[in-house]
């Protein structure tokens, strides 16, 4: 069943003009940018803070 989701995602990317990565499975190079971006939020978000009054405040 997972391959159906993968195929649908690949088709959506293709239609949007997005080229998917072709690195080996489990390659950290694929995730490096996303992980770096996410780690910024983890560092910059006040510990324990879960809500903001608006998107702008967040």
C-alpha atoms as a PDB file:
ATOM      1  CA  UNK A   1       0.000   0.000   0.000  1.00  0.00           C
ATOM      2  CA  UNK A   2       2.906   2.368   0.735  1.00  0.00           C
ATOM      3  CA  UNK A   3       4.026   2.263  -2.891  1.00  0.00           C
ATOM      4  CA  UNK A   4       0.654   3.762  -3.907  1.00  0.00           C
ATOM      5  CA  UNK A   5       1.283   6.754  -1.677  1.00  0.00           C
ATOM      6  CA  UNK A   6       4.859   7.021  -2.958  1.00  0.00           C
ATOM      7  CA  UNK A   7       3.684   6.930  -6.564  1.00  0.00           C
ATOM      8  CA  UNK A   8       0.994   9.551  -5.899  1.00  0.00           C
ATOM      9  CA  UNK A   9       3.558  11.795  -4.224  1.00  0.00           C
ATOM     10  CA  UNK A  10       6.030  11.337  -7.090  1.00  0.00           C
ATOM     11  CA  UNK A  11       3.293  12.171  -9.609  1.00  0.00           C
ATOM     12  CA  UNK A  12       2.298  15.300  -7.658  1.00  0.00           C
ATOM     13  CA  UNK A  13       5.931  16.426  -7.550  1.00  0.00           C
ATOM     14  CA  UNK A  14       6.333  15.848 -11.272  1.00  0.00           C
ATOM     15  CA  UNK A  15       3.181  17.844 -12.061  1.00  0.00           C
ATOM     16  CA  UNK A  16       4.417  20.695  -9.853  1.00  0.00           C
ATOM     17  CA  UNK A  17       7.789  20.698 -11.596  1.00  0.00           C
ATOM     18  CA  UNK A  18       9.636  19.527  -8.477  1.00  0.00           C
ATOM     19  CA  UNK A  19      12.575  17.194  -8.963  1.00  0.00           C
ATOM     20  CA  UNK A  20      12.869  14.657  -6.168  1.00  0.00           C
ATOM     21  CA  UNK A  21      16.195  13.629  -4.730  1.00  0.00           C
ATOM     22  CA  UNK A  22      17.722  10.463  -6.098  1.00  0.00           C
ATOM     23  CA  UNK A  23      20.215   9.703  -3.319  1.00  0.00           C
ATOM     24  CA  UNK A  24      20.436   6.306  -1.694  1.00  0.00           C
ATOM     25  CA  UNK A  25      17.912   5.334   0.940  1.00  0.00           C
ATOM     26  CA  UNK A  26      19.035   6.514   4.344  1.00  0.00           C
ATOM     27  CA  UNK A  27      21.481   9.072   2.965  1.00  0.00           C
ATOM     28  CA  UNK A  28      21.923  11.905   5.442  1.00  0.00           C
ATOM     29  CA  UNK A  29      22.739  14.298   2.596  1.00  0.00           C
ATOM     30  CA  UNK A  30      19.079  14.295   1.571  1.00  0.00           C
ATOM     31  CA  UNK A  31      17.907  15.431   4.964  1.00  0.00           C
ATOM     32  CA  UNK A  32      20.728  17.801   5.871  1.00  0.00           C
ATOM     33  CA  UNK A  33      18.998  21.024   4.796  1.00  0.00           C
ATOM     34  CA  UNK A  34      15.623  20.099   6.286  1.00  0.00           C
ATOM     35  CA  UNK A  35      17.198  18.950   9.553  1.00  0.00           C
ATOM     36  CA  UNK A  36      19.227  22.142   9.801  1.00  0.00           C
ATOM     37  CA  UNK A  37      16.096  24.228   9.204  1.00  0.00           C
ATOM     38  CA  UNK A  38      14.123  22.269  11.829  1.00  0.00           C
ATOM     39  CA  UNK A  39      16.929  22.477  14.374  1.00  0.00           C
ATOM     40  CA  UNK A  40      16.799  26.271  14.136  1.00  0.00           C
ATOM     41  CA  UNK A  41      13.203  26.180  15.337  1.00  0.00           C
ATOM     42  CA  UNK A  42      14.115  23.833  18.165  1.00  0.00           C
ATOM     43  CA  UNK A  43      16.915  26.162  19.297  1.00  0.00           C
ATOM     44  CA  UNK A  44      15.054  29.412  18.838  1.00  0.00           C
ATOM     45  CA  UNK A  45      11.719  28.337  20.309  1.00  0.00           C
ATOM     46  CA  UNK A  46      11.447  29.083  24.019  1.00  0.00           C
ATOM     47  CA  UNK A  47      11.483  25.828  25.973  1.00  0.00           C
ATOM     48  CA  UNK A  48       7.973  24.617  26.742  1.00  0.00           C
ATOM     49  CA  UNK A  49       6.282  27.244  24.566  1.00  0.00           C
ATOM     50  CA  UNK A  50       3.422  25.650  22.654  1.00  0.00           C
ATOM     51  CA  UNK A  51       1.156  28.533  21.624  1.00  0.00           C
ATOM     52  CA  UNK A  52       1.353  32.004  20.190  1.00  0.00           C
ATOM     53  CA  UNK A  53      -1.428  34.533  19.846  1.00  0.00           C
ATOM     54  CA  UNK A  54      -0.992  34.721  16.072  1.00  0.00           C
ATOM     55  CA  UNK A  55       1.051  33.382  13.172  1.00  0.00           C
ATOM     56  CA  UNK A  56       2.889  36.680  13.058  1.00  0.00           C
ATOM     57  CA  UNK A  57       3.946  36.374  16.709  1.00  0.00           C
ATOM     58  CA  UNK A  58       5.172  32.832  16.111  1.00  0.00           C
END
